[in-house]
Amino acid sequence: MRVVIQRVSKATVSIDNSIVGQIRRGFVVLVGICENDSEKDVEYIAKKVAQMRILSDDEGKMNLSLTDVKDAAILSISQFTLYADCKHGNRPSFINAARPEKAEPLYELFNKLLKEKYMLHVETGRFGANMQISLINDGPVTIVLDSL
């Protein structure tokens, strides 16, 4: 499992010109699932995202996690293109990305863990949809995490 975390001051996701998810302070999390991923990978990444200390404290230091900040939230976006293989030619291969029938339940589990286990506010796009993401990257801060 691979995620890209972007610390944001606000973000929205739209489908067909309609906003389907939006947050203020928090993280936009782009979520990629590969064929070898399991629930164990999802649990590991959900914990890392929830506890990632990249929000600023009163002194401006990256010292707080989402669980430390009352109004912080996550905008979670499924993105199979995180597993693009560009080694050969100029057209990416997505052979390592999980098929939708495997990826969607793991993506849903990821969001459920963030909501229920870590008590975070999570907004989402729609799995498999053509989405437009608008965000203001705060910092900028961008972190890439891979599971075990």
C-alpha atoms as a PDB file:
ATOM      1  CA  MET A   1       0.000   0.000   0.000  1.00  0.00           C
ATOM      2  CA  ARG A   2       1.249   3.451  -0.861  1.00  0.00           C
ATOM      3  CA  VAL A   3      -0.098   6.806   0.263  1.00  0.00           C
ATOM      4  CA  VAL A   4       0.881  10.362  -0.477  1.00  0.00           C
ATOM      5  CA  ILE A   5       0.010  12.746   2.358  1.00  0.00           C
ATOM      6  CA  GLN A   6      -0.269  16.444   1.647  1.00  0.00           C
ATOM      7  CA  ARG A   7      -0.732  18.804   4.575  1.00  0.00           C
ATOM      8  CA  VAL A   8      -3.390  21.295   3.503  1.00  0.00           C
ATOM      9  CA  SER A   9      -5.145  24.404   4.735  1.00  0.00           C
ATOM     10  CA  LYS A  10      -8.181  23.423   2.634  1.00  0.00           C
ATOM     11  CA  ALA A  11      -9.139  20.942  -0.065  1.00  0.00           C
ATOM     12  CA  THR A  12     -12.108  19.787  -2.109  1.00  0.00           C
ATOM     13  CA  VAL A  13     -12.893  16.884  -4.391  1.00  0.00           C
ATOM     14  CA  SER A  14     -15.450  17.307  -7.154  1.00  0.00           C
ATOM     15  CA  ILE A  15     -17.166  14.934  -9.552  1.00  0.00           C
ATOM     16  CA  ASP A  16     -19.032  16.362 -12.552  1.00  0.00           C
ATOM     17  CA  ASN A  17     -18.593  19.910 -11.165  1.00  0.00           C
ATOM     18  CA  SER A  18     -20.224  18.994  -7.829  1.00  0.00           C
ATOM     19  CA  ILE A  19     -18.231  19.009  -4.601  1.00  0.00           C
ATOM     20  CA  VAL A  20     -18.507  15.579  -2.966  1.00  0.00           C
ATOM     21  CA  GLY A  21     -15.931  16.087  -0.187  1.00  0.00           C
ATOM     22  CA  GLN A  22     -14.166  18.999   1.444  1.00  0.00           C
ATOM     23  CA  ILE A  23     -11.977  19.770   4.442  1.00  0.00           C
ATOM     24  CA  ARG A  24     -10.177  22.676   5.981  1.00  0.00           C
ATOM     25  CA  ARG A  25      -6.983  22.006   7.950  1.00  0.00           C
ATOM     26  CA  GLY A  26      -5.649  18.481   7.660  1.00  0.00           C
ATOM     27  CA  PHE A  27      -4.380  15.988   5.121  1.00  0.00           C
ATOM     28  CA  VAL A  28      -5.244  15.070   1.582  1.00  0.00           C
ATOM     29  CA  VAL A  29      -4.328  11.392   1.396  1.00  0.00           C
ATOM     30  CA  LEU A  30      -3.929   9.797  -2.024  1.00  0.00           C
ATOM     31  CA  VAL A  31      -4.334   6.043  -1.543  1.00  0.00           C
ATOM     32  CA  GLY A  32      -2.899   3.340  -3.797  1.00  0.00           C
ATOM     33  CA  ILE A  33      -3.484  -0.378  -3.254  1.00  0.00           C
ATOM     34  CA  CYS A  34      -1.300  -3.024  -4.900  1.00  0.00           C
ATOM     35  CA  GLU A  35      -2.074  -6.671  -5.652  1.00  0.00           C
ATOM     36  CA  ASN A  36      -0.059  -7.937  -2.662  1.00  0.00           C
ATOM     37  CA  ASP A  37      -1.736  -5.721  -0.053  1.00  0.00           C
ATOM     38  CA  SER A  38      -3.710  -7.146   2.842  1.00  0.00           C
ATOM     39  CA  GLU A  39      -5.651  -5.853   5.839  1.00  0.00           C
ATOM     40  CA  LYS A  40      -2.347  -5.805   7.734  1.00  0.00           C
ATOM     41  CA  ASP A  41      -0.968  -3.230   5.264  1.00  0.00           C
ATOM     42  CA  VAL A  42      -4.119  -1.133   5.646  1.00  0.00           C
ATOM     43  CA  GLU A  43      -3.920  -1.209   9.445  1.00  0.00           C
ATOM     44  CA  TYR A  44      -0.250  -0.175   9.375  1.00  0.00           C
ATOM     45  CA  ILE A  45      -0.823   2.760   7.008  1.00  0.00           C
ATOM     46  CA  ALA A  46      -3.985   3.945   8.806  1.00  0.00           C
ATOM     47  CA  LYS A  47      -2.060   4.093  12.084  1.00  0.00           C
ATOM     48  CA  LYS A  48       0.863   5.956  10.473  1.00  0.00           C
ATOM     49  CA  VAL A  49      -1.458   8.504   8.837  1.00  0.00           C
ATOM     50  CA  ALA A  50      -3.429   9.096  12.045  1.00  0.00           C
ATOM     51  CA  GLN A  51      -0.269   9.537  14.113  1.00  0.00           C
ATOM     52  CA  MET A  52       1.891  11.397  11.547  1.00  0.00           C
ATOM     53  CA  ARG A  53       3.180  14.482  13.382  1.00  0.00           C
ATOM     54  CA  ILE A  54       3.340  17.046  10.586  1.00  0.00           C
ATOM     55  CA  LEU A  55       0.800  19.620  11.786  1.00  0.00           C
ATOM     56  CA  SER A  56       2.287  22.763  13.324  1.00  0.00           C
ATOM     57  CA  ASP A  57       2.164  23.466  17.030  1.00  0.00           C
ATOM     58  CA  ASP A  58       1.974  26.954  18.603  1.00  0.00           C
ATOM     59  CA  GLU A  59       5.673  27.482  17.894  1.00  0.00           C
ATOM     60  CA  GLY A  60       5.320  26.577  14.204  1.00  0.00           C
ATOM     61  CA  LYS A  61       7.086  23.224  14.582  1.00  0.00           C
ATOM     62  CA  MET A  62       5.745  20.076  12.936  1.00  0.00           C
ATOM     63  CA  ASN A  63       4.876  18.375  16.189  1.00  0.00           C
ATOM     64  CA  LEU A  64       1.146  17.544  16.118  1.00  0.00           C
ATOM     65  CA  SER A  65      -0.841  14.695  14.605  1.00  0.00           C
ATOM     66  CA  LEU A  66      -4.426  14.727  13.361  1.00  0.00           C
ATOM     67  CA  THR A  67      -5.488  13.172  16.659  1.00  0.00           C
ATOM     68  CA  ASP A  68      -3.973  16.168  18.514  1.00  0.00           C
ATOM     69  CA  VAL A  69      -5.885  18.836  16.584  1.00  0.00           C
ATOM     70  CA  LYS A  70      -9.639  19.079  17.158  1.00  0.00           C
ATOM     71  CA  ASP A  71     -10.713  20.490  13.775  1.00  0.00           C
ATOM     72  CA  ALA A  72      -8.237  18.585  11.564  1.00  0.00           C
ATOM     73  CA  ALA A  73      -9.620  16.183   8.964  1.00  0.00           C
ATOM     74  CA  ILE A  74      -8.672  13.879   6.092  1.00  0.00           C
ATOM     75  CA  LEU A  75      -9.731  14.015   2.466  1.00  0.00           C
ATOM     76  CA  SER A  76      -9.080  10.455   1.257  1.00  0.00           C
ATOM     77  CA  ILE A  77      -8.802   9.852  -2.494  1.00  0.00           C
ATOM     78  CA  SER A  78      -8.289   6.446  -4.119  1.00  0.00           C
ATOM     79  CA  GLN A  79      -5.540   6.616  -6.733  1.00  0.00           C
ATOM     80  CA  PHE A  80      -4.322   3.497  -8.520  1.00  0.00           C
ATOM     81  CA  THR A  81      -1.808   5.595 -10.507  1.00  0.00           C
ATOM     82  CA  LEU A  82       0.477   5.611  -7.452  1.00  0.00           C
ATOM     83  CA  TYR A  83       1.568   2.197  -8.717  1.00  0.00           C
ATOM     84  CA  ALA A  84       2.554   3.383 -12.188  1.00  0.00           C
ATOM     85  CA  ASP A  85       5.584   1.575 -13.583  1.00  0.00           C
ATOM     86  CA  CYS A  86       7.399   3.913 -15.975  1.00  0.00           C
ATOM     87  CA  LYS A  87      10.627   1.931 -16.462  1.00  0.00           C
ATOM     88  CA  HIS A  88       9.906   0.826 -20.020  1.00  0.00           C
ATOM     89  CA  GLY A  89       8.686   3.209 -22.700  1.00  0.00           C
ATOM     90  CA  ASN A  90       6.655   6.344 -22.151  1.00  0.00           C
ATOM     91  CA  ARG A  91       3.272   4.845 -21.353  1.00  0.00           C
ATOM     92  CA  PRO A  92       2.949   3.837 -17.685  1.00  0.00           C
ATOM     93  CA  SER A  93       1.951   0.303 -16.794  1.00  0.00           C
ATOM     94  CA  PHE A  94      -0.406  -0.219 -13.881  1.00  0.00           C
ATOM     95  CA  ILE A  95       0.077  -3.974 -13.607  1.00  0.00           C
ATOM     96  CA  ASN A  96       1.032  -3.709  -9.910  1.00  0.00           C
ATOM     97  CA  ALA A  97      -2.121  -1.821  -8.936  1.00  0.00           C
ATOM     98  CA  ALA A  98      -4.799  -4.010  -7.393  1.00  0.00           C
ATOM     99  CA  ARG A  99      -7.916  -4.751  -9.419  1.00  0.00           C
ATOM    100  CA  PRO A 100     -10.990  -2.809  -8.248  1.00  0.00           C
ATOM    101  CA  GLU A 101     -12.611  -5.878  -6.648  1.00  0.00           C
ATOM    102  CA  LYS A 102      -9.616  -6.137  -4.304  1.00  0.00           C
ATOM    103  CA  ALA A 103      -8.696  -2.469  -3.981  1.00  0.00           C
ATOM    104  CA  GLU A 104     -12.097  -1.015  -3.129  1.00  0.00           C
ATOM    105  CA  PRO A 105     -12.732  -3.081   0.036  1.00  0.00           C
ATOM    106  CA  LEU A 106      -9.216  -2.294   1.309  1.00  0.00           C
ATOM    107  CA  TYR A 107      -9.690   1.416   0.555  1.00  0.00           C
ATOM    108  CA  GLU A 108     -13.022   1.346   2.426  1.00  0.00           C
ATOM    109  CA  LEU A 109     -11.348  -0.426   5.371  1.00  0.00           C
ATOM    110  CA  PHE A 110      -8.667   2.280   5.450  1.00  0.00           C
ATOM    111  CA  ASN A 111     -11.305   5.012   5.737  1.00  0.00           C
ATOM    112  CA  LYS A 112     -13.304   3.040   8.303  1.00  0.00           C
ATOM    113  CA  LEU A 113     -10.242   2.574  10.530  1.00  0.00           C
ATOM    114  CA  LEU A 114      -9.448   6.283  10.401  1.00  0.00           C
ATOM    115  CA  LYS A 115     -13.033   7.115  11.382  1.00  0.00           C
ATOM    116  CA  GLU A 116     -13.792   4.438  13.952  1.00  0.00           C
ATOM    117  CA  LYS A 117     -10.456   3.473  15.475  1.00  0.00           C
ATOM    118  CA  TYR A 118      -8.740   6.863  15.369  1.00  0.00           C
ATOM    119  CA  MET A 119     -11.913   8.977  15.644  1.00  0.00           C
ATOM    120  CA  LEU A 120     -10.974  11.237  12.709  1.00  0.00           C
ATOM    121  CA  HIS A 121     -13.262  13.171  10.398  1.00  0.00           C
ATOM    122  CA  VAL A 122     -12.806  11.659   6.927  1.00  0.00           C
ATOM    123  CA  GLU A 123     -14.227  12.956   3.669  1.00  0.00           C
ATOM    124  CA  THR A 124     -13.781  10.961   0.464  1.00  0.00           C
ATOM    125  CA  GLY A 125     -14.117  11.082  -3.244  1.00  0.00           C
ATOM    126  CA  ARG A 126     -15.753   8.184  -5.083  1.00  0.00           C
ATOM    127  CA  PHE A 127     -13.777   5.047  -5.823  1.00  0.00           C
ATOM    128  CA  GLY A 128     -13.066   4.694  -9.546  1.00  0.00           C
ATOM    129  CA  ALA A 129     -14.583   8.054 -10.494  1.00  0.00           C
ATOM    130  CA  ASN A 130     -12.948  10.818 -12.513  1.00  0.00           C
ATOM    131  CA  MET A 131     -12.314  13.367  -9.753  1.00  0.00           C
ATOM    132  CA  GLN A 132     -10.968  16.889  -9.654  1.00  0.00           C
ATOM    133  CA  ILE A 133      -8.986  17.718  -6.526  1.00  0.00           C
ATOM    134  CA  SER A 134      -8.384  21.300  -5.449  1.00  0.00           C
ATOM    135  CA  LEU A 135      -6.074  21.975  -2.523  1.00  0.00           C
ATOM    136  CA  ILE A 136      -3.792  24.447  -0.866  1.00  0.00           C
ATOM    137  CA  ASN A 137      -0.694  22.542   0.226  1.00  0.00           C
ATOM    138  CA  ASP A 138       0.376  24.062   3.547  1.00  0.00           C
ATOM    139  CA  GLY A 139       4.145  24.358   3.767  1.00  0.00           C
ATOM    140  CA  PRO A 140       4.371  22.696   1.326  1.00  0.00           C
ATOM    141  CA  VAL A 141       4.485  19.403   3.188  1.00  0.00           C
ATOM    142  CA  THR A 142       4.222  16.164   1.204  1.00  0.00           C
ATOM    143  CA  ILE A 143       5.058  12.725   2.625  1.00  0.00           C
ATOM    144  CA  VAL A 144       5.097   9.361   0.810  1.00  0.00           C
ATOM    145  CA  LEU A 145       4.463   6.210   2.891  1.00  0.00           C
ATOM    146  CA  ASP A 146       4.696   2.590   1.829  1.00  0.00           C
ATOM    147  CA  SER A 147       3.427  -0.352   3.868  1.00  0.00           C
ATOM    148  CA  LEU A 148       5.550  -3.221   5.087  1.00  0.00           C
END
